[in-house]
PDB file of N, CA and C in Angstrom:
ATOM      1  N   MET A   1      -6.311 -57.262  94.366  1.00  0.00           N
ATOM      2  CA  MET A   1      -5.666 -57.246  92.656  1.00  0.00           C
ATOM      3  C   MET A   1      -7.333 -58.338  92.154  1.00  0.00           C
ATOM      4  N   ALA A   2      -7.027 -57.983  91.433  1.00  0.00           N
ATOM      5  CA  ALA A   2      -8.661 -58.875  90.779  1.00  0.00           C
ATOM      6  C   ALA A   2      -8.584 -59.849  90.641  1.00  0.00           C
ATOM      7  N   GLN A   3     -10.043 -60.618  90.528  1.00  0.00           N
ATOM      8  CA  GLN A   3      -9.933 -62.321  91.210  1.00  0.00           C
ATOM      9  C   GLN A   3      -9.551 -62.314  89.510  1.00  0.00           C
ATOM     10  N   LEU A   4      -9.196 -63.105  89.247  1.00  0.00           N
ATOM     11  CA  LEU A   4      -8.960 -63.579  87.818  1.00  0.00           C
ATOM     12  C   LEU A   4      -9.921 -65.013  87.442  1.00  0.00           C
ATOM     13  N   LYS A   5     -10.018 -64.709  86.504  1.00  0.00           N
ATOM     14  CA  LYS A   5     -11.188 -65.780  86.324  1.00  0.00           C
ATOM     15  C   LYS A   5     -10.802 -67.131  85.166  1.00  0.00           C
ATOM     16  N   THR A   6     -11.304 -68.204  85.226  1.00  0.00           N
ATOM     17  CA  THR A   6     -11.517 -69.692  84.713  1.00  0.00           C
ATOM     18  C   THR A   6     -11.319 -69.480  82.951  1.00  0.00           C
ATOM     19  N   THR A   7     -11.048 -70.146  82.738  1.00  0.00           N
ATOM     20  CA  THR A   7     -11.087 -70.567  80.792  1.00  0.00           C
ATOM     21  C   THR A   7     -12.622 -70.745  81.033  1.00  0.00           C
ATOM     22  N   LYS A   8     -13.566 -71.136  81.981  1.00  0.00           N
ATOM     23  CA  LYS A   8     -14.892 -71.523  81.750  1.00  0.00           C
ATOM     24  C   LYS A   8     -15.284 -70.398  81.734  1.00  0.00           C
ATOM     25  N   GLU A   9     -15.094 -69.661  83.071  1.00  0.00           N
ATOM     26  CA  GLU A   9     -15.750 -68.408  82.715  1.00  0.00           C
ATOM     27  C   GLU A   9     -15.547 -67.081  81.832  1.00  0.00           C
ATOM     28  N   ILE A  10     -14.727 -67.367  81.431  1.00  0.00           N
ATOM     29  CA  ILE A  10     -14.605 -66.473  80.094  1.00  0.00           C
ATOM     30  C   ILE A  10     -14.891 -67.046  78.952  1.00  0.00           C
ATOM     31  N   GLY A  11     -15.074 -68.933  78.859  1.00  0.00           N
ATOM     32  CA  GLY A  11     -15.846 -68.929  77.735  1.00  0.00           C
ATOM     33  C   GLY A  11     -17.419 -68.478  77.721  1.00  0.00           C
ATOM     34  N   LEU A  12     -18.137 -68.585  79.224  1.00  0.00           N
ATOM     35  CA  LEU A  12     -18.876 -68.305  79.184  1.00  0.00           C
ATOM     36  C   LEU A  12     -19.288 -66.807  79.183  1.00  0.00           C
ATOM     37  N   MET A  13     -18.516 -65.756  79.660  1.00  0.00           N
ATOM     38  CA  MET A  13     -18.553 -64.811  79.390  1.00  0.00           C
ATOM     39  C   MET A  13     -18.496 -63.884  77.829  1.00  0.00           C
ATOM     40  N   ALA A  14     -18.200 -65.205  77.154  1.00  0.00           N
ATOM     41  CA  ALA A  14     -17.985 -64.527  75.355  1.00  0.00           C
ATOM     42  C   ALA A  14     -19.435 -64.488  74.535  1.00  0.00           C
ATOM     43  N   ILE A  15     -19.516 -66.316  75.375  1.00  0.00           N
ATOM     44  CA  ILE A  15     -21.304 -66.358  74.982  1.00  0.00           C
ATOM     45  C   ILE A  15     -22.408 -65.116  75.233  1.00  0.00           C
ATOM     46  N   GLU A  16     -22.481 -64.703  76.961  1.00  0.00           N
ATOM     47  CA  GLU A  16     -22.818 -63.641  77.003  1.00  0.00           C
ATOM     48  C   GLU A  16     -22.500 -62.415  75.998  1.00  0.00           C
ATOM     49  N   VAL A  17     -21.357 -62.182  75.541  1.00  0.00           N
ATOM     50  CA  VAL A  17     -21.225 -60.997  74.180  1.00  0.00           C
ATOM     51  C   VAL A  17     -21.632 -61.965  73.078  1.00  0.00           C
ATOM     52  N   HIS A  18     -21.857 -62.444  73.289  1.00  0.00           N
ATOM     53  CA  HIS A  18     -22.297 -63.130  71.465  1.00  0.00           C
ATOM     54  C   HIS A  18     -23.844 -62.803  71.694  1.00  0.00           C
ATOM     55  N   GLN A  19     -24.714 -63.324  72.207  1.00  0.00           N
ATOM     56  CA  GLN A  19     -25.881 -63.609  72.943  1.00  0.00           C
ATOM     57  C   GLN A  19     -25.984 -61.895  72.579  1.00  0.00           C
ATOM     58  N   CYS A  20     -25.588 -60.993  73.267  1.00  0.00           N
ATOM     59  CA  CYS A  20     -26.490 -59.524  73.702  1.00  0.00           C
ATOM     60  C   CYS A  20     -25.804 -59.206  72.042  1.00  0.00           C
ATOM     61  N   MET A  21     -24.792 -59.721  71.343  1.00  0.00           N
ATOM     62  CA  MET A  21     -24.455 -59.225  70.170  1.00  0.00           C
ATOM     63  C   MET A  21     -25.926 -59.317  69.252  1.00  0.00           C
ATOM     64  N   LYS A  22     -26.484 -60.819  69.350  1.00  0.00           N
ATOM     65  CA  LYS A  22     -27.370 -61.242  68.749  1.00  0.00           C
ATOM     66  C   LYS A  22     -28.914 -60.279  69.169  1.00  0.00           C
ATOM     67  N   GLU A  23     -29.271 -60.088  69.972  1.00  0.00           N
ATOM     68  CA  GLU A  23     -30.171 -59.274  70.565  1.00  0.00           C
ATOM     69  C   GLU A  23     -30.087 -57.812  70.172  1.00  0.00           C
ATOM     70  N   ARG A  24     -28.870 -57.202  70.219  1.00  0.00           N
ATOM     71  CA  ARG A  24     -29.158 -56.058  69.251  1.00  0.00           C
ATOM     72  C   ARG A  24     -28.915 -55.670  68.116  1.00  0.00           C
ATOM     73  N   LYS A  25     -28.645 -57.007  67.522  1.00  0.00           N
ATOM     74  CA  LYS A  25     -28.697 -56.718  65.457  1.00  0.00           C
ATOM     75  C   LYS A  25     -30.571 -57.411  65.540  1.00  0.00           C
ATOM     76  N   LEU A  26     -31.220 -57.704  66.361  1.00  0.00           N
ATOM     77  CA  LEU A  26     -32.520 -58.469  66.279  1.00  0.00           C
ATOM     78  C   LEU A  26     -33.420 -56.968  66.632  1.00  0.00           C
ATOM     79  N   ALA A  27     -32.718 -55.953  67.663  1.00  0.00           N
ATOM     80  CA  ALA A  27     -33.483 -54.664  68.268  1.00  0.00           C
ATOM     81  C   ALA A  27     -33.192 -54.113  66.938  1.00  0.00           C
ATOM     82  N   LYS A  28     -32.299 -54.204  66.105  1.00  0.00           N
ATOM     83  CA  LYS A  28     -31.763 -52.857  65.023  1.00  0.00           C
ATOM     84  C   LYS A  28     -33.041 -53.662  63.854  1.00  0.00           C
ATOM     85  N   MET A  29     -33.407 -54.529  63.656  1.00  0.00           N
ATOM     86  CA  MET A  29     -34.182 -55.396  62.739  1.00  0.00           C
ATOM     87  C   MET A  29     -35.387 -54.377  63.002  1.00  0.00           C
ATOM     88  N   ARG A  30     -36.087 -54.567  64.451  1.00  0.00           N
ATOM     89  CA  ARG A  30     -37.270 -54.551  64.785  1.00  0.00           C
ATOM     90  C   ARG A  30     -37.249 -52.639  64.778  1.00  0.00           C
ATOM     91  N   LEU A  31     -36.657 -51.461  64.679  1.00  0.00           N
ATOM     92  CA  LEU A  31     -36.668 -50.942  64.836  1.00  0.00           C
ATOM     93  C   LEU A  31     -36.444 -50.366  63.085  1.00  0.00           C
ATOM     94  N   LYS A  32     -35.878 -51.197  62.033  1.00  0.00           N
ATOM     95  CA  LYS A  32     -36.153 -50.413  61.154  1.00  0.00           C
ATOM     96  C   LYS A  32     -37.496 -51.425  61.061  1.00  0.00           C
ATOM     97  N   GLU A  33     -38.117 -52.051  60.821  1.00  0.00           N
ATOM     98  CA  GLU A  33     -39.353 -53.023  60.678  1.00  0.00           C
ATOM     99  C   GLU A  33     -40.359 -51.587  61.136  1.00  0.00           C
ATOM    100  N   ALA A  34     -40.723 -51.080  62.553  1.00  0.00           N
ATOM    101  CA  ALA A  34     -41.286 -50.217  62.621  1.00  0.00           C
ATOM    102  C   ALA A  34     -40.899 -48.407  61.775  1.00  0.00           C
ATOM    103  N   TYR A  35     -40.100 -48.065  61.198  1.00  0.00           N
ATOM    104  CA  TYR A  35     -40.139 -47.520  60.425  1.00  0.00           C
ATOM    105  C   TYR A  35     -40.393 -47.587  59.582  1.00  0.00           C
ATOM    106  N   ILE A  36     -40.341 -48.865  58.720  1.00  0.00           N
ATOM    107  CA  ILE A  36     -40.986 -49.154  57.592  1.00  0.00           C
ATOM    108  C   ILE A  36     -43.309 -48.837  57.629  1.00  0.00           C
ATOM    109  N   ARG A  37     -43.129 -49.947  59.070  1.00  0.00           N
ATOM    110  CA  ARG A  37     -44.621 -49.882  58.987  1.00  0.00           C
ATOM    111  C   ARG A  37     -45.102 -48.278  59.769  1.00  0.00           C
ATOM    112  N   TRP A  38     -44.324 -47.942  60.349  1.00  0.00           N
ATOM    113  CA  TRP A  38     -44.846 -46.288  60.366  1.00  0.00           C
ATOM    114  C   TRP A  38     -45.095 -45.450  58.687  1.00  0.00           C
ATOM    115  N   ALA A  39     -44.227 -45.373  58.299  1.00  0.00           N
ATOM    116  CA  ALA A  39     -44.659 -45.221  56.467  1.00  0.00           C
ATOM    117  C   ALA A  39     -45.316 -45.989  55.824  1.00  0.00           C
ATOM    118  N   HIS A  40     -45.763 -46.574  56.023  1.00  0.00           N
ATOM    119  CA  HIS A  40     -46.965 -47.608  55.232  1.00  0.00           C
ATOM    120  C   HIS A  40     -48.303 -46.881  56.169  1.00  0.00           C
ATOM    121  N   ASN A  41     -48.419 -47.132  57.116  1.00  0.00           N
ATOM    122  CA  ASN A  41     -49.362 -46.387  58.280  1.00  0.00           C
ATOM    123  C   ASN A  41     -50.135 -45.009  57.900  1.00  0.00           C
ATOM    124  N   THR A  42     -48.962 -44.926  57.412  1.00  0.00           N
ATOM    125  CA  THR A  42     -49.253 -42.881  57.404  1.00  0.00           C
ATOM    126  C   THR A  42     -49.173 -42.398  56.106  1.00  0.00           C
ATOM    127  N   LYS A  43     -48.563 -43.537  55.066  1.00  0.00           N
ATOM    128  CA  LYS A  43     -48.413 -43.119  53.749  1.00  0.00           C
ATOM    129  C   LYS A  43     -47.274 -42.224  53.453  1.00  0.00           C
ATOM    130  N   THR A  44     -46.670 -42.240  54.220  1.00  0.00           N
ATOM    131  CA  THR A  44     -44.902 -41.180  54.346  1.00  0.00           C
ATOM    132  C   THR A  44     -43.767 -41.848  53.640  1.00  0.00           C
ATOM    133  N   PHE A  45     -43.365 -41.994  52.312  1.00  0.00           N
ATOM    134  CA  PHE A  45     -42.832 -42.494  51.441  1.00  0.00           C
ATOM    135  C   PHE A  45     -41.895 -41.820  50.732  1.00  0.00           C
ATOM    136  N   HIS A  46     -42.564 -40.510  51.427  1.00  0.00           N
ATOM    137  CA  HIS A  46     -41.026 -39.513  51.102  1.00  0.00           C
ATOM    138  C   HIS A  46     -39.954 -39.089  52.090  1.00  0.00           C
ATOM    139  N   HIS A  47     -38.823 -38.873  51.391  1.00  0.00           N
ATOM    140  CA  HIS A  47     -38.043 -38.439  52.486  1.00  0.00           C
ATOM    141  C   HIS A  47     -38.161 -37.105  53.153  1.00  0.00           C
ATOM    142  N   PHE A  48     -37.957 -36.717  54.355  1.00  0.00           N
ATOM    143  CA  PHE A  48     -37.643 -35.853  55.163  1.00  0.00           C
ATOM    144  C   PHE A  48     -37.236 -34.934  55.899  1.00  0.00           C
ATOM    145  N   GLN A  49     -37.199 -34.676  56.208  1.00  0.00           N
ATOM    146  CA  GLN A  49     -35.626 -33.781  56.939  1.00  0.00           C
ATOM    147  C   GLN A  49     -35.646 -33.936  58.709  1.00  0.00           C
ATOM    148  N   ARG A  50     -34.585 -33.981  58.771  1.00  0.00           N
ATOM    149  CA  ARG A  50     -34.375 -34.656  60.798  1.00  0.00           C
ATOM    150  C   ARG A  50     -34.927 -33.567  61.082  1.00  0.00           C
ATOM    151  N   GLU A  51     -35.770 -33.330  62.472  1.00  0.00           N
ATOM    152  CA  GLU A  51     -36.284 -32.182  63.315  1.00  0.00           C
ATOM    153  C   GLU A  51     -37.333 -31.469  62.666  1.00  0.00           C
ATOM    154  N   SER A  52     -38.308 -32.451  61.470  1.00  0.00           N
ATOM    155  CA  SER A  52     -39.313 -31.472  61.176  1.00  0.00           C
ATOM    156  C   SER A  52     -40.602 -32.277  61.931  1.00  0.00           C
ATOM    157  N   PRO A  53     -41.844 -31.989  61.712  1.00  0.00           N
ATOM    158  CA  PRO A  53     -42.838 -32.448  62.188  1.00  0.00           C
ATOM    159  C   PRO A  53     -42.981 -34.027  62.160  1.00  0.00           C
ATOM    160  N   GLU A  54     -42.693 -33.974  60.641  1.00  0.00           N
ATOM    161  CA  GLU A  54     -43.004 -35.959  60.073  1.00  0.00           C
ATOM    162  C   GLU A  54     -41.961 -36.165  60.761  1.00  0.00           C
ATOM    163  N   TRP A  55     -40.510 -36.059  60.690  1.00  0.00           N
ATOM    164  CA  TRP A  55     -39.559 -36.614  61.529  1.00  0.00           C
ATOM    165  C   TRP A  55     -39.875 -37.075  63.078  1.00  0.00           C
ATOM    166  N   ASP A  56     -40.294 -35.801  63.786  1.00  0.00           N
ATOM    167  CA  ASP A  56     -40.742 -35.703  65.108  1.00  0.00           C
ATOM    168  C   ASP A  56     -42.058 -36.836  65.718  1.00  0.00           C
ATOM    169  N   ARG A  57     -42.882 -36.919  64.508  1.00  0.00           N
ATOM    170  CA  ARG A  57     -43.800 -38.376  64.318  1.00  0.00           C
ATOM    171  C   ARG A  57     -43.578 -39.165  64.444  1.00  0.00           C
ATOM    172  N   MET A  58     -42.612 -39.318  63.594  1.00  0.00           N
ATOM    173  CA  MET A  58     -42.007 -40.309  63.708  1.00  0.00           C
ATOM    174  C   MET A  58     -41.204 -41.325  64.610  1.00  0.00           C
ATOM    175  N   MET A  59     -40.458 -40.740  65.050  1.00  0.00           N
ATOM    176  CA  MET A  59     -39.410 -40.809  66.197  1.00  0.00           C
ATOM    177  C   MET A  59     -40.780 -41.127  67.325  1.00  0.00           C
ATOM    178  N   ALA A  60     -41.645 -40.453  67.537  1.00  0.00           N
ATOM    179  CA  ALA A  60     -42.572 -40.729  68.886  1.00  0.00           C
ATOM    180  C   ALA A  60     -43.756 -42.171  68.883  1.00  0.00           C
ATOM    181  N   ALA A  61     -43.554 -42.609  67.449  1.00  0.00           N
ATOM    182  CA  ALA A  61     -44.140 -43.464  67.287  1.00  0.00           C
ATOM    183  C   ALA A  61     -43.677 -44.866  67.476  1.00  0.00           C
ATOM    184  N   THR A  62     -41.983 -45.040  67.025  1.00  0.00           N
ATOM    185  CA  THR A  62     -41.431 -45.707  66.554  1.00  0.00           C
ATOM    186  C   THR A  62     -40.177 -45.776  68.568  1.00  0.00           C
ATOM    187  N   ASP A  63     -40.750 -44.864  69.361  1.00  0.00           N
ATOM    188  CA  ASP A  63     -39.812 -44.578  70.668  1.00  0.00           C
ATOM    189  C   ASP A  63     -39.571 -45.881  71.477  1.00  0.00           C
ATOM    190  N   PRO A  64     -40.716 -47.488  71.349  1.00  0.00           N
ATOM    191  CA  PRO A  64     -40.533 -47.610  72.178  1.00  0.00           C
ATOM    192  C   PRO A  64     -39.327 -48.885  71.422  1.00  0.00           C
ATOM    193  N   GLU A  65     -39.357 -49.030  70.618  1.00  0.00           N
ATOM    194  CA  GLU A  65     -38.330 -49.657  69.556  1.00  0.00           C
ATOM    195  C   GLU A  65     -36.949 -49.185  69.716  1.00  0.00           C
ATOM    196  N   PHE A  66     -36.697 -47.584  69.826  1.00  0.00           N
ATOM    197  CA  PHE A  66     -35.785 -47.092  69.847  1.00  0.00           C
ATOM    198  C   PHE A  66     -35.053 -47.451  71.057  1.00  0.00           C
ATOM    199  N   LEU A  67     -35.481 -47.232  72.307  1.00  0.00           N
ATOM    200  CA  LEU A  67     -35.506 -47.812  72.890  1.00  0.00           C
ATOM    201  C   LEU A  67     -34.884 -48.550  73.389  1.00  0.00           C
ATOM    202  N   ALA A  68     -35.443 -50.015  73.177  1.00  0.00           N
ATOM    203  CA  ALA A  68     -34.939 -51.215  72.760  1.00  0.00           C
ATOM    204  C   ALA A  68     -33.970 -51.139  72.295  1.00  0.00           C
ATOM    205  N   LEU A  69     -33.705 -50.198  70.948  1.00  0.00           N
ATOM    206  CA  LEU A  69     -32.266 -50.625  70.808  1.00  0.00           C
ATOM    207  C   LEU A  69     -31.235 -50.560  71.376  1.00  0.00           C
ATOM    208  N   GLU A  70     -31.457 -49.474  71.817  1.00  0.00           N
ATOM    209  CA  GLU A  70     -29.979 -48.352  72.635  1.00  0.00           C
ATOM    210  C   GLU A  70     -30.021 -49.120  74.127  1.00  0.00           C
ATOM    211  N   GLU A  71     -30.974 -50.103  74.551  1.00  0.00           N
ATOM    212  CA  GLU A  71     -30.572 -50.807  75.622  1.00  0.00           C
ATOM    213  C   GLU A  71     -29.788 -52.373  75.088  1.00  0.00           C
ATOM    214  N   ALA A  72     -30.514 -52.839  74.109  1.00  0.00           N
ATOM    215  CA  ALA A  72     -29.643 -53.762  73.558  1.00  0.00           C
ATOM    216  C   ALA A  72     -28.211 -53.561  73.338  1.00  0.00           C
ATOM    217  N   LYS A  73     -27.658 -52.280  72.933  1.00  0.00           N
ATOM    218  CA  LYS A  73     -26.660 -51.945  72.632  1.00  0.00           C
ATOM    219  C   LYS A  73     -25.759 -51.519  73.658  1.00  0.00           C
ATOM    220  N   ARG A  74     -26.521 -51.152  75.388  1.00  0.00           N
ATOM    221  CA  ARG A  74     -25.681 -50.792  76.294  1.00  0.00           C
ATOM    222  C   ARG A  74     -25.326 -52.267  77.380  1.00  0.00           C
ATOM    223  N   ARG A  75     -26.052 -53.251  76.858  1.00  0.00           N
ATOM    224  CA  ARG A  75     -26.103 -54.441  77.517  1.00  0.00           C
ATOM    225  C   ARG A  75     -24.717 -55.409  77.278  1.00  0.00           C
ATOM    226  N   GLU A  76     -24.942 -54.705  75.302  1.00  0.00           N
ATOM    227  CA  GLU A  76     -24.055 -55.705  74.300  1.00  0.00           C
ATOM    228  C   GLU A  76     -22.402 -54.761  75.239  1.00  0.00           C
ATOM    229  N   ARG A  77     -22.639 -53.246  74.802  1.00  0.00           N
ATOM    230  CA  ARG A  77     -21.448 -52.880  75.329  1.00  0.00           C
ATOM    231  C   ARG A  77     -20.952 -53.146  76.822  1.00  0.00           C
ATOM    232  N   ASN A  78     -21.346 -53.082  77.484  1.00  0.00           N
ATOM    233  CA  ASN A  78     -21.224 -54.189  79.061  1.00  0.00           C
ATOM    234  C   ASN A  78     -20.700 -55.411  79.428  1.00  0.00           C
ATOM    235  N   ALA A  79     -21.492 -56.161  78.511  1.00  0.00           N
ATOM    236  CA  ALA A  79     -20.634 -57.579  78.737  1.00  0.00           C
ATOM    237  C   ALA A  79     -19.427 -57.446  78.072  1.00  0.00           C
ATOM    238  N   ALA A  80     -19.307 -57.159  76.398  1.00  0.00           N
ATOM    239  CA  ALA A  80     -17.981 -56.676  75.967  1.00  0.00           C
ATOM    240  C   ALA A  80     -16.795 -55.870  77.014  1.00  0.00           C
ATOM    241  N   ARG A  81     -17.166 -55.085  77.613  1.00  0.00           N
ATOM    242  CA  ARG A  81     -16.018 -54.433  78.787  1.00  0.00           C
ATOM    243  C   ARG A  81     -15.710 -55.884  79.858  1.00  0.00           C
ATOM    244  N   ARG A  82     -16.724 -56.014  80.222  1.00  0.00           N
ATOM    245  CA  ARG A  82     -16.404 -57.469  81.642  1.00  0.00           C
ATOM    246  C   ARG A  82     -15.368 -58.348  80.641  1.00  0.00           C
ATOM    247  N   LEU A  83     -15.923 -58.773  79.230  1.00  0.00           N
ATOM    248  CA  LEU A  83     -14.886 -60.251  79.037  1.00  0.00           C
ATOM    249  C   LEU A  83     -13.370 -59.587  78.671  1.00  0.00           C
ATOM    250  N   GLU A  84     -13.525 -58.210  78.044  1.00  0.00           N
ATOM    251  CA  GLU A  84     -12.315 -57.974  78.144  1.00  0.00           C
ATOM    252  C   GLU A  84     -11.472 -57.590  79.124  1.00  0.00           C
ATOM    253  N   ARG A  85     -12.348 -57.341  80.611  1.00  0.00           N
ATOM    254  CA  ARG A  85     -11.360 -56.954  81.479  1.00  0.00           C
ATOM    255  C   ARG A  85     -11.323 -58.259  81.945  1.00  0.00           C
ATOM    256  N   ALA A  86     -11.343 -59.233  82.270  1.00  0.00           N
ATOM    257  CA  ALA A  86     -11.195 -60.293  83.264  1.00  0.00           C
ATOM    258  C   ALA A  86     -10.565 -60.932  81.944  1.00  0.00           C
ATOM    259  N   ILE A  87     -10.258 -60.564  80.902  1.00  0.00           N
ATOM    260  CA  ILE A  87      -9.389 -61.360  79.841  1.00  0.00           C
ATOM    261  C   ILE A  87      -8.031 -60.137  79.826  1.00  0.00           C
ATOM    262  N   SER A  88      -8.051 -59.305  80.229  1.00  0.00           N
ATOM    263  CA  SER A  88      -6.957 -58.382  80.259  1.00  0.00           C
ATOM    264  C   SER A  88      -6.160 -58.788  81.403  1.00  0.00           C
ATOM    265  N   GLN A  89      -6.839 -59.015  82.546  1.00  0.00           N
ATOM    266  CA  GLN A  89      -6.666 -59.105  84.231  1.00  0.00           C
ATOM    267  C   GLN A  89      -5.533 -60.966  84.270  1.00  0.00           C
ATOM    268  N   GLY A  90      -6.180 -61.958  83.024  1.00  0.00           N
ATOM    269  CA  GLY A  90      -5.288 -63.211  83.340  1.00  0.00           C
ATOM    270  C   GLY A  90      -6.405 -64.280  83.355  1.00  0.00           C
ATOM    271  N   VAL A  91      -6.114 -64.890  83.176  1.00  0.00           N
ATOM    272  CA  VAL A  91      -6.434 -66.520  83.303  1.00  0.00           C
ATOM    273  C   VAL A  91      -6.609 -67.169  84.346  1.00  0.00           C
ATOM    274  N   ARG A  92      -6.971 -67.666  85.279  1.00  0.00           N
ATOM    275  CA  ARG A  92      -6.329 -68.994  86.989  1.00  0.00           C
ATOM    276  C   ARG A  92      -6.539 -70.129  86.147  1.00  0.00           C
ATOM    277  N   VAL A  93      -5.623 -71.074  86.120  1.00  0.00           N
ATOM    278  CA  VAL A  93      -5.432 -72.337  85.884  1.00  0.00           C
ATOM    279  C   VAL A  93      -5.697 -73.417  86.709  1.00  0.00           C
TER     280      VAL A  93
END
């Protein structure tokens, strides 16, 4: 049988989920800023299609920020999954 968590442990897990959510939002903001910075640096202000050479250049230039966002989303999903699992298993009083 799975180990039951105390309300304190579940509370700490909820705080972790909240922190991960804030980190994901920050990573998303940083990616948007990287897109804008790339557009200003390359003077590419017009719309362009996905999979075009311009798209590929932008994606390459903003890859670190994109990967940071993907990692933040992964951490948030995992923290939320752990919290949901702990709650569904019940609370030790």
